[in-house]
Structure formats: structure tokens, C-alpha cells
Full PDB file with SEQRES, HELIX, SHEET, SSBOND, CRYST1, ORIGX, SCALE, CONECT and MASTER records, all heavy atoms in Angstrom:
SEQRES   1 A   38  PHE ASN PHE SER ALA ASP ASP LEU LEU ARG ARG VAL ASP          
SEQRES   2 A   38  PHE ASN ILE LYS GLY ASP ASP LEU ILE VAL PHE LEU HIS          
SEQRES   3 A   38  ILE GLN LYS THR GLY GLY THR THR PHE GLY ARG HIS              
HELIX    1 AA1 ALA A    5  LEU A    9  1                                   5    
HELIX    2 AA2 GLY A   32  ARG A   37  1                                   6    
CRYST1    1.000    1.000    1.000  90.00  90.00  90.00 P 1           1          
ORIGX1      1.000000  0.000000  0.000000        0.00000                         
ORIGX2      0.000000  1.000000  0.000000        0.00000                         
ORIGX3      0.000000  0.000000  1.000000        0.00000                         
SCALE1      1.000000  0.000000  0.000000        0.00000                         
SCALE2      0.000000  1.000000  0.000000        0.00000                         
SCALE3      0.000000  0.000000  1.000000        0.00000                         
ATOM      1  N   PHE A   1       9.105  11.682 -30.944  1.00  0.00           N  
ATOM      2  CA  PHE A   1      10.023  11.223 -29.920  1.00  0.00           C  
ATOM      3  C   PHE A   1      10.571  12.458 -29.220  1.00  0.00           C  
ATOM      4  O   PHE A   1      11.016  13.400 -29.871  1.00  0.00           O  
ATOM      5  CB  PHE A   1      11.151  10.400 -30.540  1.00  0.00           C  
ATOM      6  CG  PHE A   1      10.631   9.200 -31.278  1.00  0.00           C  
ATOM      7  CD1 PHE A   1      10.616   9.176 -32.662  1.00  0.00           C  
ATOM      8  CD2 PHE A   1      10.144   8.110 -30.595  1.00  0.00           C  
ATOM      9  CE1 PHE A   1      10.131   8.088 -33.341  1.00  0.00           C  
ATOM     10  CE2 PHE A   1       9.639   7.016 -31.274  1.00  0.00           C  
ATOM     11  CZ  PHE A   1       9.643   7.008 -32.648  1.00  0.00           C  
ATOM     12  N   ASN A   2      10.516  12.441 -27.930  1.00  0.00           N  
ATOM     13  CA  ASN A   2      10.954  13.596 -27.144  1.00  0.00           C  
ATOM     14  C   ASN A   2      12.443  13.531 -26.824  1.00  0.00           C  
ATOM     15  O   ASN A   2      12.896  14.221 -25.928  1.00  0.00           O  
ATOM     16  CB  ASN A   2      10.138  13.683 -25.862  1.00  0.00           C  
ATOM     17  CG  ASN A   2       8.680  13.934 -26.161  1.00  0.00           C  
ATOM     18  OD1 ASN A   2       8.352  14.637 -27.103  1.00  0.00           O  
ATOM     19  ND2 ASN A   2       7.803  13.357 -25.365  1.00  0.00           N  
ATOM     20  N   PHE A   3      13.167  12.689 -27.526  1.00  0.00           N  
ATOM     21  CA  PHE A   3      14.588  12.555 -27.290  1.00  0.00           C  
ATOM     22  C   PHE A   3      15.356  12.998 -28.528  1.00  0.00           C  
ATOM     23  O   PHE A   3      15.040  12.610 -29.633  1.00  0.00           O  
ATOM     24  CB  PHE A   3      14.962  11.101 -26.984  1.00  0.00           C  
ATOM     25  CG  PHE A   3      14.203  10.525 -25.825  1.00  0.00           C  
ATOM     26  CD1 PHE A   3      13.188   9.621 -26.029  1.00  0.00           C  
ATOM     27  CD2 PHE A   3      14.508  10.898 -24.525  1.00  0.00           C  
ATOM     28  CE1 PHE A   3      12.488   9.091 -24.979  1.00  0.00           C  
ATOM     29  CE2 PHE A   3      13.816  10.372 -23.467  1.00  0.00           C  
ATOM     30  CZ  PHE A   3      12.797   9.464 -23.684  1.00  0.00           C  
ATOM     31  N   SER A   4      16.400  13.757 -28.306  1.00  0.00           N  
ATOM     32  CA  SER A   4      17.263  14.129 -29.422  1.00  0.00           C  
ATOM     33  C   SER A   4      18.255  12.995 -29.656  1.00  0.00           C  
ATOM     34  O   SER A   4      18.392  12.087 -28.825  1.00  0.00           O  
ATOM     35  CB  SER A   4      18.022  15.427 -29.102  1.00  0.00           C  
ATOM     36  OG  SER A   4      18.935  15.185 -28.040  1.00  0.00           O  
ATOM     37  N   ALA A   5      18.975  13.059 -30.755  1.00  0.00           N  
ATOM     38  CA  ALA A   5      19.994  12.040 -31.030  1.00  0.00           C  
ATOM     39  C   ALA A   5      21.072  12.056 -29.945  1.00  0.00           C  
ATOM     40  O   ALA A   5      21.579  11.015 -29.542  1.00  0.00           O  
ATOM     41  CB  ALA A   5      20.611  12.276 -32.407  1.00  0.00           C  
ATOM     42  N   ASP A   6      21.404  13.255 -29.452  1.00  0.00           N  
ATOM     43  CA  ASP A   6      22.397  13.357 -28.370  1.00  0.00           C  
ATOM     44  C   ASP A   6      21.903  12.674 -27.094  1.00  0.00           C  
ATOM     45  O   ASP A   6      22.685  12.048 -26.378  1.00  0.00           O  
ATOM     46  CB  ASP A   6      22.715  14.821 -28.077  1.00  0.00           C  
ATOM     47  CG  ASP A   6      23.484  15.477 -29.217  1.00  0.00           C  
ATOM     48  OD1 ASP A   6      24.140  14.748 -29.994  1.00  0.00           O  
ATOM     49  OD2 ASP A   6      23.425  16.719 -29.329  1.00  0.00           O  
ATOM     50  N   ASP A   7      20.609  12.809 -26.809  1.00  0.00           N  
ATOM     51  CA  ASP A   7      20.054  12.157 -25.623  1.00  0.00           C  
ATOM     52  C   ASP A   7      20.164  10.638 -25.740  1.00  0.00           C  
ATOM     53  O   ASP A   7      20.475   9.953 -24.764  1.00  0.00           O  
ATOM     54  CB  ASP A   7      18.587  12.519 -25.440  1.00  0.00           C  
ATOM     55  CG  ASP A   7      18.392  13.942 -24.969  1.00  0.00           C  
ATOM     56  OD1 ASP A   7      19.331  14.507 -24.387  1.00  0.00           O  
ATOM     57  OD2 ASP A   7      17.293  14.490 -25.193  1.00  0.00           O  
ATOM     58  N   LEU A   8      19.900  10.124 -26.921  1.00  0.00           N  
ATOM     59  CA  LEU A   8      19.924   8.677 -27.106  1.00  0.00           C  
ATOM     60  C   LEU A   8      21.336   8.110 -27.113  1.00  0.00           C  
ATOM     61  O   LEU A   8      21.539   6.946 -26.794  1.00  0.00           O  
ATOM     62  CB  LEU A   8      19.216   8.311 -28.406  1.00  0.00           C  
ATOM     63  CG  LEU A   8      17.718   8.630 -28.436  1.00  0.00           C  
ATOM     64  CD1 LEU A   8      17.158   8.368 -29.822  1.00  0.00           C  
ATOM     65  CD2 LEU A   8      16.969   7.822 -27.397  1.00  0.00           C  
ATOM     66  N   LEU A   9      22.312   8.919 -27.491  1.00  0.00           N  
ATOM     67  CA  LEU A   9      23.689   8.435 -27.583  1.00  0.00           C  
ATOM     68  C   LEU A   9      24.550   8.840 -26.395  1.00  0.00           C  
ATOM     69  O   LEU A   9      25.744   8.565 -26.382  1.00  0.00           O  
ATOM     70  CB  LEU A   9      24.325   8.962 -28.875  1.00  0.00           C  
ATOM     71  CG  LEU A   9      23.665   8.459 -30.163  1.00  0.00           C  
ATOM     72  CD1 LEU A   9      24.289   9.137 -31.370  1.00  0.00           C  
ATOM     73  CD2 LEU A   9      23.771   6.953 -30.273  1.00  0.00           C  
ATOM     74  N   ARG A  10      23.959   9.488 -25.403  1.00  0.00           N  
ATOM     75  CA  ARG A  10      24.768   9.971 -24.276  1.00  0.00           C  
ATOM     76  C   ARG A  10      25.335   8.803 -23.476  1.00  0.00           C  
ATOM     77  O   ARG A  10      24.770   7.708 -23.435  1.00  0.00           O  
ATOM     78  CB  ARG A  10      23.974  10.894 -23.385  1.00  0.00           C  
ATOM     79  CG  ARG A  10      22.978  10.179 -22.536  1.00  0.00           C  
ATOM     80  CD  ARG A  10      22.223  11.116 -21.662  1.00  0.00           C  
ATOM     81  NE  ARG A  10      21.203  10.328 -20.995  1.00  0.00           N  
ATOM     82  CZ  ARG A  10      20.576  10.699 -19.937  1.00  0.00           C  
ATOM     83  NH1 ARG A  10      20.826  11.865 -19.412  1.00  0.00           N  
ATOM     84  NH2 ARG A  10      19.674   9.920 -19.391  1.00  0.00           N  
ATOM     85  N   ARG A  11      26.432   9.072 -22.844  1.00  0.00           N  
ATOM     86  CA  ARG A  11      27.102   8.067 -22.030  1.00  0.00           C  
ATOM     87  C   ARG A  11      26.983   8.487 -20.575  1.00  0.00           C  
ATOM     88  O   ARG A  11      27.232   9.644 -20.233  1.00  0.00           O  
ATOM     89  CB  ARG A  11      28.564   7.973 -22.433  1.00  0.00           C  
ATOM     90  CG  ARG A  11      29.357   6.984 -21.649  1.00  0.00           C  
ATOM     91  CD  ARG A  11      30.746   6.824 -22.249  1.00  0.00           C  
ATOM     92  NE  ARG A  11      31.642   6.136 -21.382  1.00  0.00           N  
ATOM     93  CZ  ARG A  11      31.655   4.839 -21.168  1.00  0.00           C  
ATOM     94  NH1 ARG A  11      30.785   4.096 -21.792  1.00  0.00           N  
ATOM     95  NH2 ARG A  11      32.517   4.283 -20.354  1.00  0.00           N  
ATOM     96  N   VAL A  12      26.615   7.552 -19.734  1.00  0.00           N  
ATOM     97  CA  VAL A  12      26.472   7.825 -18.313  1.00  0.00           C  
ATOM     98  C   VAL A  12      27.571   7.054 -17.603  1.00  0.00           C  
ATOM     99  O   VAL A  12      27.680   5.840 -17.748  1.00  0.00           O  
ATOM    100  CB  VAL A  12      25.084   7.389 -17.800  1.00  0.00           C  
ATOM    101  CG1 VAL A  12      24.977   7.607 -16.309  1.00  0.00           C  
ATOM    102  CG2 VAL A  12      23.996   8.120 -18.546  1.00  0.00           C  
ATOM    103  N   ASP A  13      28.364   7.778 -16.864  1.00  0.00           N  
ATOM    104  CA  ASP A  13      29.429   7.132 -16.100  1.00  0.00           C  
ATOM    105  C   ASP A  13      28.887   6.679 -14.751  1.00  0.00           C  
ATOM    106  O   ASP A  13      28.289   7.466 -14.021  1.00  0.00           O  
ATOM    107  CB  ASP A  13      30.600   8.090 -15.893  1.00  0.00           C  
ATOM    108  CG  ASP A  13      31.329   8.380 -17.195  1.00  0.00           C  
ATOM    109  OD1 ASP A  13      31.449   7.451 -18.000  1.00  0.00           O  
ATOM    110  OD2 ASP A  13      31.748   9.529 -17.402  1.00  0.00           O  
ATOM    111  N   PHE A  14      29.098   5.428 -14.442  1.00  0.00           N  
ATOM    112  CA  PHE A  14      28.648   4.860 -13.175  1.00  0.00           C  
ATOM    113  C   PHE A  14      29.868   4.382 -12.416  1.00  0.00           C  
ATOM    114  O   PHE A  14      30.633   3.561 -12.902  1.00  0.00           O  
ATOM    115  CB  PHE A  14      27.683   3.692 -13.422  1.00  0.00           C  
ATOM    116  CG  PHE A  14      27.280   2.986 -12.163  1.00  0.00           C  
ATOM    117  CD1 PHE A  14      26.423   3.588 -11.266  1.00  0.00           C  
ATOM    118  CD2 PHE A  14      27.758   1.729 -11.882  1.00  0.00           C  
ATOM    119  CE1 PHE A  14      26.042   2.933 -10.101  1.00  0.00           C  
ATOM    120  CE2 PHE A  14      27.395   1.070 -10.728  1.00  0.00           C  
ATOM    121  CZ  PHE A  14      26.539   1.670  -9.833  1.00  0.00           C  
ATOM    122  N   ASN A  15      30.075   4.914 -11.234  1.00  0.00           N  
ATOM    123  CA  ASN A  15      31.229   4.564 -10.421  1.00  0.00           C  
ATOM    124  C   ASN A  15      30.799   3.561  -9.362  1.00  0.00           C  
ATOM    125  O   ASN A  15      30.262   3.945  -8.324  1.00  0.00           O  
ATOM    126  CB  ASN A  15      31.824   5.824  -9.774  1.00  0.00           C  
ATOM    127  CG  ASN A  15      33.096   5.513  -8.995  1.00  0.00           C  
ATOM    128  OD1 ASN A  15      33.574   4.372  -8.978  1.00  0.00           O  
ATOM    129  ND2 ASN A  15      33.636   6.527  -8.359  1.00  0.00           N  
ATOM    130  N   ILE A  16      31.045   2.281  -9.631  1.00  0.00           N  
ATOM    131  CA  ILE A  16      30.621   1.233  -8.703  1.00  0.00           C  
ATOM    132  C   ILE A  16      31.420   1.278  -7.404  1.00  0.00           C  
ATOM    133  O   ILE A  16      30.939   0.868  -6.356  1.00  0.00           O  
ATOM    134  CB  ILE A  16      30.712  -0.164  -9.359  1.00  0.00           C  
ATOM    135  CG1 ILE A  16      29.975  -1.202  -8.517  1.00  0.00           C  
ATOM    136  CG2 ILE A  16      32.157  -0.570  -9.573  1.00  0.00           C  
ATOM    137  CD1 ILE A  16      29.801  -2.537  -9.189  1.00  0.00           C  
ATOM    138  N   LYS A  17      32.635   1.823  -7.447  1.00  0.00           N  
ATOM    139  CA  LYS A  17      33.470   1.900  -6.245  1.00  0.00           C  
ATOM    140  C   LYS A  17      33.158   3.122  -5.386  1.00  0.00           C  
ATOM    141  O   LYS A  17      33.537   3.178  -4.238  1.00  0.00           O  
ATOM    142  CB  LYS A  17      34.944   1.921  -6.638  1.00  0.00           C  
ATOM    143  CG  LYS A  17      35.400   0.630  -7.266  1.00  0.00           C  
ATOM    144  CD  LYS A  17      36.856   0.688  -7.640  1.00  0.00           C  
ATOM    145  CE  LYS A  17      37.273  -0.600  -8.310  1.00  0.00           C  
ATOM    146  NZ  LYS A  17      38.667  -0.568  -8.736  1.00  0.00           N  
ATOM    147  N   GLY A  18      32.450   4.087  -5.958  1.00  0.00           N  
ATOM    148  CA  GLY A  18      32.103   5.316  -5.221  1.00  0.00           C  
ATOM    149  C   GLY A  18      30.774   5.180  -4.519  1.00  0.00           C  
ATOM    150  O   GLY A  18      30.446   4.132  -3.948  1.00  0.00           O  
ATOM    151  N   ASP A  19      29.985   6.270  -4.580  1.00  0.00           N  
ATOM    152  CA  ASP A  19      28.682   6.279  -3.924  1.00  0.00           C  
ATOM    153  C   ASP A  19      27.520   6.199  -4.909  1.00  0.00           C  
ATOM    154  O   ASP A  19      26.369   6.373  -4.514  1.00  0.00           O  
ATOM    155  CB  ASP A  19      28.536   7.569  -3.094  1.00  0.00           C  
ATOM    156  CG  ASP A  19      29.450   7.567  -1.879  1.00  0.00           C  
ATOM    157  OD1 ASP A  19      29.622   6.488  -1.277  1.00  0.00           O  
ATOM    158  OD2 ASP A  19      30.003   8.618  -1.553  1.00  0.00           O  
ATOM    159  N   ASP A  20      27.802   5.957  -6.198  1.00  0.00           N  
ATOM    160  CA  ASP A  20      26.728   5.905  -7.187  1.00  0.00           C  
ATOM    161  C   ASP A  20      25.811   4.716  -6.903  1.00  0.00           C  
ATOM    162  O   ASP A  20      26.247   3.660  -6.451  1.00  0.00           O  
ATOM    163  CB  ASP A  20      27.300   5.776  -8.600  1.00  0.00           C  
ATOM    164  CG  ASP A  20      28.022   7.022  -9.052  1.00  0.00           C  
ATOM    165  OD1 ASP A  20      27.932   8.049  -8.345  1.00  0.00           O  
ATOM    166  OD2 ASP A  20      28.661   6.978 -10.109  1.00  0.00           O  
ATOM    167  N   LEU A  21      24.544   4.922  -7.191  1.00  0.00           N  
ATOM    168  CA  LEU A  21      23.532   3.908  -6.921  1.00  0.00           C  
ATOM    169  C   LEU A  21      22.588   3.832  -8.104  1.00  0.00           C  
ATOM    170  O   LEU A  21      22.141   4.853  -8.621  1.00  0.00           O  
ATOM    171  CB  LEU A  21      22.742   4.291  -5.661  1.00  0.00           C  
ATOM    172  CG  LEU A  21      21.651   3.357  -5.206  1.00  0.00           C  
ATOM    173  CD1 LEU A  21      22.235   2.059  -4.676  1.00  0.00           C  
ATOM    174  CD2 LEU A  21      20.815   4.026  -4.117  1.00  0.00           C  
ATOM    175  N   ILE A  22      22.313   2.622  -8.570  1.00  0.00           N  
ATOM    176  CA  ILE A  22      21.308   2.422  -9.610  1.00  0.00           C  
ATOM    177  C   ILE A  22      20.015   2.028  -8.906  1.00  0.00           C  
ATOM    178  O   ILE A  22      19.980   1.075  -8.125  1.00  0.00           O  
ATOM    179  CB  ILE A  22      21.716   1.311 -10.600  1.00  0.00           C  
ATOM    180  CG1 ILE A  22      22.928   1.753 -11.408  1.00  0.00           C  
ATOM    181  CG2 ILE A  22      20.556   0.976 -11.523  1.00  0.00           C  
ATOM    182  CD1 ILE A  22      23.448   0.701 -12.370  1.00  0.00           C  
ATOM    183  N   VAL A  23      18.957   2.790  -9.162  1.00  0.00           N  
ATOM    184  CA  VAL A  23      17.633   2.479  -8.624  1.00  0.00           C  
ATOM    185  C   VAL A  23      16.781   2.015  -9.791  1.00  0.00           C  
ATOM    186  O   VAL A  23      16.580   2.745 -10.754  1.00  0.00           O  
ATOM    187  CB  VAL A  23      16.995   3.706  -7.943  1.00  0.00           C  
ATOM    188  CG1 VAL A  23      15.615   3.372  -7.424  1.00  0.00           C  
ATOM    189  CG2 VAL A  23      17.880   4.212  -6.821  1.00  0.00           C  
ATOM    190  N   PHE A  24      16.293   0.796  -9.699  1.00  0.00           N  
ATOM    191  CA  PHE A  24      15.477   0.229 -10.773  1.00  0.00           C  
ATOM    192  C   PHE A  24      14.012   0.475 -10.462  1.00  0.00           C  
ATOM    193  O   PHE A  24      13.468  -0.056  -9.503  1.00  0.00           O  
ATOM    194  CB  PHE A  24      15.759  -1.264 -10.921  1.00  0.00           C  
ATOM    195  CG  PHE A  24      14.900  -1.923 -11.957  1.00  0.00           C  
ATOM    196  CD1 PHE A  24      14.964  -1.520 -13.286  1.00  0.00           C  
ATOM    197  CD2 PHE A  24      14.029  -2.939 -11.626  1.00  0.00           C  
ATOM    198  CE1 PHE A  24      14.174  -2.106 -14.250  1.00  0.00           C  
ATOM    199  CE2 PHE A  24      13.239  -3.545 -12.576  1.00  0.00           C  
ATOM    200  CZ  PHE A  24      13.308  -3.117 -13.893  1.00  0.00           C  
ATOM    201  N   LEU A  25      13.381   1.291 -11.298  1.00  0.00           N  
ATOM    202  CA  LEU A  25      11.948   1.569 -11.179  1.00  0.00           C  
ATOM    203  C   LEU A  25      11.215   0.590 -12.079  1.00  0.00           C  
ATOM    204  O   LEU A  25      11.313   0.656 -13.293  1.00  0.00           O  
ATOM    205  CB  LEU A  25      11.648   3.007 -11.604  1.00  0.00           C  
ATOM    206  CG  LEU A  25      10.173   3.385 -11.740  1.00  0.00           C  
ATOM    207  CD1 LEU A  25       9.455   3.256 -10.398  1.00  0.00           C  
ATOM    208  CD2 LEU A  25      10.049   4.800 -12.265  1.00  0.00           C  
ATOM    209  N   HIS A  26      10.498  -0.347 -11.471  1.00  0.00           N  
ATOM    210  CA  HIS A  26       9.795  -1.377 -12.225  1.00  0.00           C  
ATOM    211  C   HIS A  26       8.429  -0.857 -12.650  1.00  0.00           C  
ATOM    212  O   HIS A  26       7.579  -0.586 -11.825  1.00  0.00           O  
ATOM    213  CB  HIS A  26       9.632  -2.626 -11.356  1.00  0.00           C  
ATOM    214  CG  HIS A  26       8.945  -3.757 -12.053  1.00  0.00           C  
ATOM    215  ND1 HIS A  26       8.914  -5.015 -11.539  1.00  0.00           N  
ATOM    216  CD2 HIS A  26       8.269  -3.828 -13.214  1.00  0.00           C  
ATOM    217  CE1 HIS A  26       8.247  -5.816 -12.344  1.00  0.00           C  
ATOM    218  NE2 HIS A  26       7.838  -5.112 -13.364  1.00  0.00           N  
ATOM    219  N   ILE A  27       8.241  -0.714 -13.947  1.00  0.00           N  
ATOM    220  CA  ILE A  27       6.942  -0.346 -14.491  1.00  0.00           C  
ATOM    221  C   ILE A  27       6.278  -1.637 -14.943  1.00  0.00           C  
ATOM    222  O   ILE A  27       6.837  -2.375 -15.762  1.00  0.00           O  
ATOM    223  CB  ILE A  27       7.092   0.643 -15.667  1.00  0.00           C  
ATOM    224  CG1 ILE A  27       7.792   1.908 -15.174  1.00  0.00           C  
ATOM    225  CG2 ILE A  27       5.737   0.959 -16.273  1.00  0.00           C  
ATOM    226  CD1 ILE A  27       8.176   2.862 -16.275  1.00  0.00           C  
ATOM    227  N   GLN A  28       5.109  -1.905 -14.424  1.00  0.00           N  
ATOM    228  CA  GLN A  28       4.444  -3.180 -14.670  1.00  0.00           C  
ATOM    229  C   GLN A  28       4.120  -3.396 -16.147  1.00  0.00           C  
ATOM    230  O   GLN A  28       3.832  -2.467 -16.875  1.00  0.00           O  
ATOM    231  CB  GLN A  28       3.164  -3.261 -13.845  1.00  0.00           C  
ATOM    232  CG  GLN A  28       3.438  -3.218 -12.357  1.00  0.00           C  
ATOM    233  CD  GLN A  28       2.171  -3.263 -11.557  1.00  0.00           C  
ATOM    234  OE1 GLN A  28       1.281  -4.052 -11.846  1.00  0.00           O  
ATOM    235  NE2 GLN A  28       2.073  -2.437 -10.542  1.00  0.00           N  
ATOM    236  N   LYS A  29       4.181  -4.657 -16.544  1.00  0.00           N  
ATOM    237  CA  LYS A  29       3.835  -5.113 -17.898  1.00  0.00           C  
ATOM    238  C   LYS A  29       4.734  -4.528 -18.983  1.00  0.00           C  
ATOM    239  O   LYS A  29       4.307  -4.313 -20.107  1.00  0.00           O  
ATOM    240  CB  LYS A  29       2.359  -4.810 -18.233  1.00  0.00           C  
ATOM    241  CG  LYS A  29       1.387  -5.393 -17.252  1.00  0.00           C  
ATOM    242  CD  LYS A  29       1.463  -6.888 -17.251  1.00  0.00           C  
ATOM    243  CE  LYS A  29       0.526  -7.487 -16.216  1.00  0.00           C  
ATOM    244  NZ  LYS A  29       0.832  -8.860 -15.947  1.00  0.00           N  
ATOM    245  N   THR A  30       5.984  -4.261 -18.660  1.00  0.00           N  
ATOM    246  CA  THR A  30       6.919  -3.734 -19.656  1.00  0.00           C  
ATOM    247  C   THR A  30       8.186  -4.587 -19.740  1.00  0.00           C  
ATOM    248  O   THR A  30       9.178  -4.144 -20.297  1.00  0.00           O  
ATOM    249  CB  THR A  30       7.337  -2.289 -19.307  1.00  0.00           C  
ATOM    250  OG1 THR A  30       7.958  -2.292 -18.016  1.00  0.00           O  
ATOM    251  CG2 THR A  30       6.149  -1.353 -19.334  1.00  0.00           C  
ATOM    252  N   GLY A  31       8.173  -5.779 -19.177  1.00  0.00           N  
ATOM    253  CA  GLY A  31       9.350  -6.635 -19.192  1.00  0.00           C  
ATOM    254  C   GLY A  31      10.274  -6.348 -18.021  1.00  0.00           C  
ATOM    255  O   GLY A  31      11.447  -6.730 -18.033  1.00  0.00           O  
ATOM    256  N   GLY A  32       9.777  -5.666 -17.011  1.00  0.00           N  
ATOM    257  CA  GLY A  32      10.604  -5.261 -15.872  1.00  0.00           C  
ATOM    258  C   GLY A  32      11.160  -6.408 -15.058  1.00  0.00           C  
ATOM    259  O   GLY A  32      12.274  -6.342 -14.562  1.00  0.00           O  
ATOM    260  N   THR A  33      10.397  -7.462 -14.888  1.00  0.00           N  
ATOM    261  CA  THR A  33      10.886  -8.607 -14.120  1.00  0.00           C  
ATOM    262  C   THR A  33      12.073  -9.243 -14.832  1.00  0.00           C  
ATOM    263  O   THR A  33      13.103  -9.543 -14.219  1.00  0.00           O  
ATOM    264  CB  THR A  33       9.760  -9.636 -13.915  1.00  0.00           C  
ATOM    265  OG1 THR A  33       8.698  -9.011 -13.205  1.00  0.00           O  
ATOM    266  CG2 THR A  33      10.250 -10.838 -13.143  1.00  0.00           C  
ATOM    267  N   THR A  34      11.963  -9.423 -16.125  1.00  0.00           N  
ATOM    268  CA  THR A  34      13.065  -9.999 -16.903  1.00  0.00           C  
ATOM    269  C   THR A  34      14.286  -9.091 -16.852  1.00  0.00           C  
ATOM    270  O   THR A  34      15.411  -9.555 -16.644  1.00  0.00           O  
ATOM    271  CB  THR A  34      12.631 -10.211 -18.368  1.00  0.00           C  
ATOM    272  OG1 THR A  34      11.481 -11.064 -18.371  1.00  0.00           O  
ATOM    273  CG2 THR A  34      13.734 -10.824 -19.195  1.00  0.00           C  
ATOM    274  N   PHE A  35      14.085  -7.787 -17.029  1.00  0.00           N  
ATOM    275  CA  PHE A  35      15.211  -6.858 -16.993  1.00  0.00           C  
ATOM    276  C   PHE A  35      15.820  -6.792 -15.598  1.00  0.00           C  
ATOM    277  O   PHE A  35      17.042  -6.730 -15.460  1.00  0.00           O  
ATOM    278  CB  PHE A  35      14.773  -5.458 -17.440  1.00  0.00           C  
ATOM    279  CG  PHE A  35      15.913  -4.503 -17.535  1.00  0.00           C  
ATOM    280  CD1 PHE A  35      16.819  -4.587 -18.573  1.00  0.00           C  
ATOM    281  CD2 PHE A  35      16.094  -3.519 -16.577  1.00  0.00           C  
ATOM    282  CE1 PHE A  35      17.892  -3.715 -18.663  1.00  0.00           C  
ATOM    283  CE2 PHE A  35      17.160  -2.636 -16.654  1.00  0.00           C  
ATOM    284  CZ  PHE A  35      18.057  -2.740 -17.705  1.00  0.00           C  
ATOM    285  N   GLY A  36      14.991  -6.834 -14.562  1.00  0.00           N  
ATOM    286  CA  GLY A  36      15.510  -6.823 -13.187  1.00  0.00           C  
ATOM    287  C   GLY A  36      16.379  -8.037 -12.901  1.00  0.00           C  
ATOM    288  O   GLY A  36      17.434  -7.940 -12.257  1.00  0.00           O  
ATOM    289  N   ARG A  37      15.947  -9.198 -13.382  1.00  0.00           N  
ATOM    290  CA  ARG A  37      16.769 -10.408 -13.232  1.00  0.00           C  
ATOM    291  C   ARG A  37      18.080 -10.276 -14.007  1.00  0.00           C  
ATOM    292  O   ARG A  37      19.135 -10.698 -13.555  1.00  0.00           O  
ATOM    293  CB  ARG A  37      16.014 -11.635 -13.724  1.00  0.00           C  
ATOM    294  CG  ARG A  37      15.044 -12.152 -12.745  1.00  0.00           C  
ATOM    295  CD  ARG A  37      14.558 -13.538 -13.156  1.00  0.00           C  
ATOM    296  NE  ARG A  37      13.280 -13.791 -12.563  1.00  0.00           N  
ATOM    297  CZ  ARG A  37      12.150 -13.948 -13.225  1.00  0.00           C  
ATOM    298  NH1 ARG A  37      12.138 -13.939 -14.529  1.00  0.00           N  
ATOM    299  NH2 ARG A  37      11.026 -14.151 -12.589  1.00  0.00           N  
ATOM    300  N   HIS A  38      18.004  -9.665 -15.194  1.00  0.00           N  
ATOM    301  CA  HIS A  38      19.204  -9.452 -16.009  1.00  0.00           C  
ATOM    302  C   HIS A  38      20.207  -8.566 -15.268  1.00  0.00           C  
ATOM    303  O   HIS A  38      21.409  -8.820 -15.319  1.00  0.00           O  
ATOM    304  CB  HIS A  38      18.817  -8.829 -17.339  1.00  0.00           C  
ATOM    305  CG  HIS A  38      19.972  -8.363 -18.159  1.00  0.00           C  
ATOM    306  ND1 HIS A  38      20.834  -9.236 -18.789  1.00  0.00           N  
ATOM    307  CD2 HIS A  38      20.418  -7.120 -18.431  1.00  0.00           C  
ATOM    308  CE1 HIS A  38      21.773  -8.535 -19.410  1.00  0.00           C  
ATOM    309  NE2 HIS A  38      21.539  -7.257 -19.219  1.00  0.00           N  
TER     310      HIS A  38                                                      
MASTER        0    0    0    2    0    0    0    6  309    1    0    3          
END                                                                             
């Protein structure tokens, strides 16, 4: 696994009132449609 424990437990702050933007990259056949709907 190329992730350390710190990478897996990191917290990302998302400011919905600011200029932050979530871009959803859909990778086919990985459950992306279900997650996108979620």
C-alpha cells in the first residue's frame, strides 16, 4: 500500500461557503455511478 497511516487518517477541510470545489472523477466499473448519486 502506497499510503501511510497518516495519509489514510488525514482530515481535509472543505469550505462550502468559500471557493472550494469537489471534482468527482468517475473511474468506470468501480461503483462510481452509485457514489456519484450518493
